[in-house]
C-alpha atoms as a PDB file:
ATOM      1  CA  UNK A   1     157.139 101.496  60.662  1.00  0.00           C
ATOM      2  CA  UNK A   2     155.863 105.086  60.603  1.00  0.00           C
ATOM      3  CA  UNK A   3     156.166 106.961  57.311  1.00  0.00           C
ATOM      4  CA  UNK A   4     158.515 109.539  58.864  1.00  0.00           C
ATOM      5  CA  UNK A   5     160.945 106.777  59.856  1.00  0.00           C
ATOM      6  CA  UNK A   6     160.760 105.272  56.378  1.00  0.00           C
ATOM      7  CA  UNK A   7     161.445 108.645  54.785  1.00  0.00           C
ATOM      8  CA  UNK A   8     164.363 109.367  57.120  1.00  0.00           C
ATOM      9  CA  UNK A   9     165.883 105.934  56.521  1.00  0.00           C
ATOM     10  CA  UNK A  10     165.466 106.325  52.765  1.00  0.00           C
ATOM     11  CA  UNK A  11     167.269 109.666  52.857  1.00  0.00           C
ATOM     12  CA  UNK A  12     170.078 108.170  54.938  1.00  0.00           C
ATOM     13  CA  UNK A  13     170.502 105.278  52.520  1.00  0.00           C
ATOM     14  CA  UNK A  14     170.495 107.592  49.500  1.00  0.00           C
ATOM     15  CA  UNK A  15     173.182 109.749  51.112  1.00  0.00           C
ATOM     16  CA  UNK A  16     175.293 106.690  51.954  1.00  0.00           C
ATOM     17  CA  UNK A  17     174.852 105.351  48.424  1.00  0.00           C
ATOM     18  CA  UNK A  18     176.008 108.657  46.906  1.00  0.00           C
ATOM     19  CA  UNK A  19     179.009 108.706  49.235  1.00  0.00           C
ATOM     20  CA  UNK A  20     179.860 105.196  48.068  1.00  0.00           C
ATOM     21  CA  UNK A  21     179.549 106.235  44.438  1.00  0.00           C
ATOM     22  CA  UNK A  22     181.839 109.222  45.037  1.00  0.00           C
ATOM     23  CA  UNK A  23     184.418 107.057  46.825  1.00  0.00           C
ATOM     24  CA  UNK A  24     184.322 104.482  44.031  1.00  0.00           C
ATOM     25  CA  UNK A  25     184.856 107.196  41.415  1.00  0.00           C
ATOM     26  CA  UNK A  26     187.844 108.552  43.352  1.00  0.00           C
ATOM     27  CA  UNK A  27     189.337 105.068  43.658  1.00  0.00           C
ATOM     28  CA  UNK A  28     188.937 104.436  39.940  1.00  0.00           C
ATOM     29  CA  UNK A  29     190.689 107.723  39.183  1.00  0.00           C
ATOM     30  CA  UNK A  30     193.464 106.815  41.602  1.00  0.00           C
ATOM     31  CA  UNK A  31     193.784 103.396  39.962  1.00  0.00           C
ATOM     32  CA  UNK A  32     194.109 104.995  36.517  1.00  0.00           C
ATOM     33  CA  UNK A  33     196.810 107.369  37.783  1.00  0.00           C
ATOM     34  CA  UNK A  34     198.702 104.510  39.408  1.00  0.00           C
ATOM     35  CA  UNK A  35     198.504 102.393  36.246  1.00  0.00           C
ATOM     36  CA  UNK A  36     199.937 105.318  34.224  1.00  0.00           C
ATOM     37  CA  UNK A  37     202.742 105.763  36.731  1.00  0.00           C
ATOM     38  CA  UNK A  38     203.545 102.063  36.609  1.00  0.00           C
ATOM     39  CA  UNK A  39     203.650 102.149  32.800  1.00  0.00           C
ATOM     40  CA  UNK A  40     206.139 105.015  32.902  1.00  0.00           C
ATOM     41  CA  UNK A  41     208.268 103.157  35.441  1.00  0.00           C
ATOM     42  CA  UNK A  42     208.099  99.999  33.346  1.00  0.00           C
ATOM     43  CA  UNK A  43     209.285 101.976  30.315  1.00  0.00           C
ATOM     44  CA  UNK A  44     212.158 103.469  32.272  1.00  0.00           C
ATOM     45  CA  UNK A  45     213.172 100.026  33.519  1.00  0.00           C
ATOM     46  CA  UNK A  46     213.163  98.688  29.970  1.00  0.00           C
ATOM     47  CA  UNK A  47     215.347 101.535  28.710  1.00  0.00           C
ATOM     48  CA  UNK A  48     217.831 101.107  31.552  1.00  0.00           C
ATOM     49  CA  UNK A  49     217.960  97.341  31.033  1.00  0.00           C
ATOM     50  CA  UNK A  50     218.709  97.902  27.352  1.00  0.00           C
ATOM     51  CA  UNK A  51     221.448 100.397  28.227  1.00  0.00           C
ATOM     52  CA  UNK A  52     222.890  97.963  30.750  1.00  0.00           C
ATOM     53  CA  UNK A  53     222.887  95.155  28.182  1.00  0.00           C
ATOM     54  CA  UNK A  54     224.609  97.419  25.651  1.00  0.00           C
ATOM     55  CA  UNK A  55     227.248  98.331  28.245  1.00  0.00           C
ATOM     56  CA  UNK A  56     227.970  94.666  28.890  1.00  0.00           C
ATOM     57  CA  UNK A  57     228.529  94.098  25.175  1.00  0.00           C
ATOM     58  CA  UNK A  58     230.929  97.034  24.892  1.00  0.00           C
ATOM     59  CA  UNK A  59     234.614  96.266  25.544  1.00  0.00           C
ATOM     60  CA  UNK A  60     235.870  97.703  28.846  1.00  0.00           C
ATOM     61  CA  UNK A  61     238.204 100.230  27.226  1.00  0.00           C
ATOM     62  CA  UNK A  62     235.325 101.726  25.201  1.00  0.00           C
ATOM     63  CA  UNK A  63     232.923 101.825  28.147  1.00  0.00           C
ATOM     64  CA  UNK A  64     234.895 104.599  29.852  1.00  0.00           C
END
């Protein structure tokens, strides 16, 4: 394989590798954002479930 072909292929692979690294970084950031969103949703669900349980324990005339 001529040296020019080796050099060109090496440059192509380095560029592809960097693109992969950038994509992986973006995916990790997206994963972190999604995990934070899910934690907030989970907290909201817990609060609403607790409110719902408290409502069920309250007599009907006091609930309104």
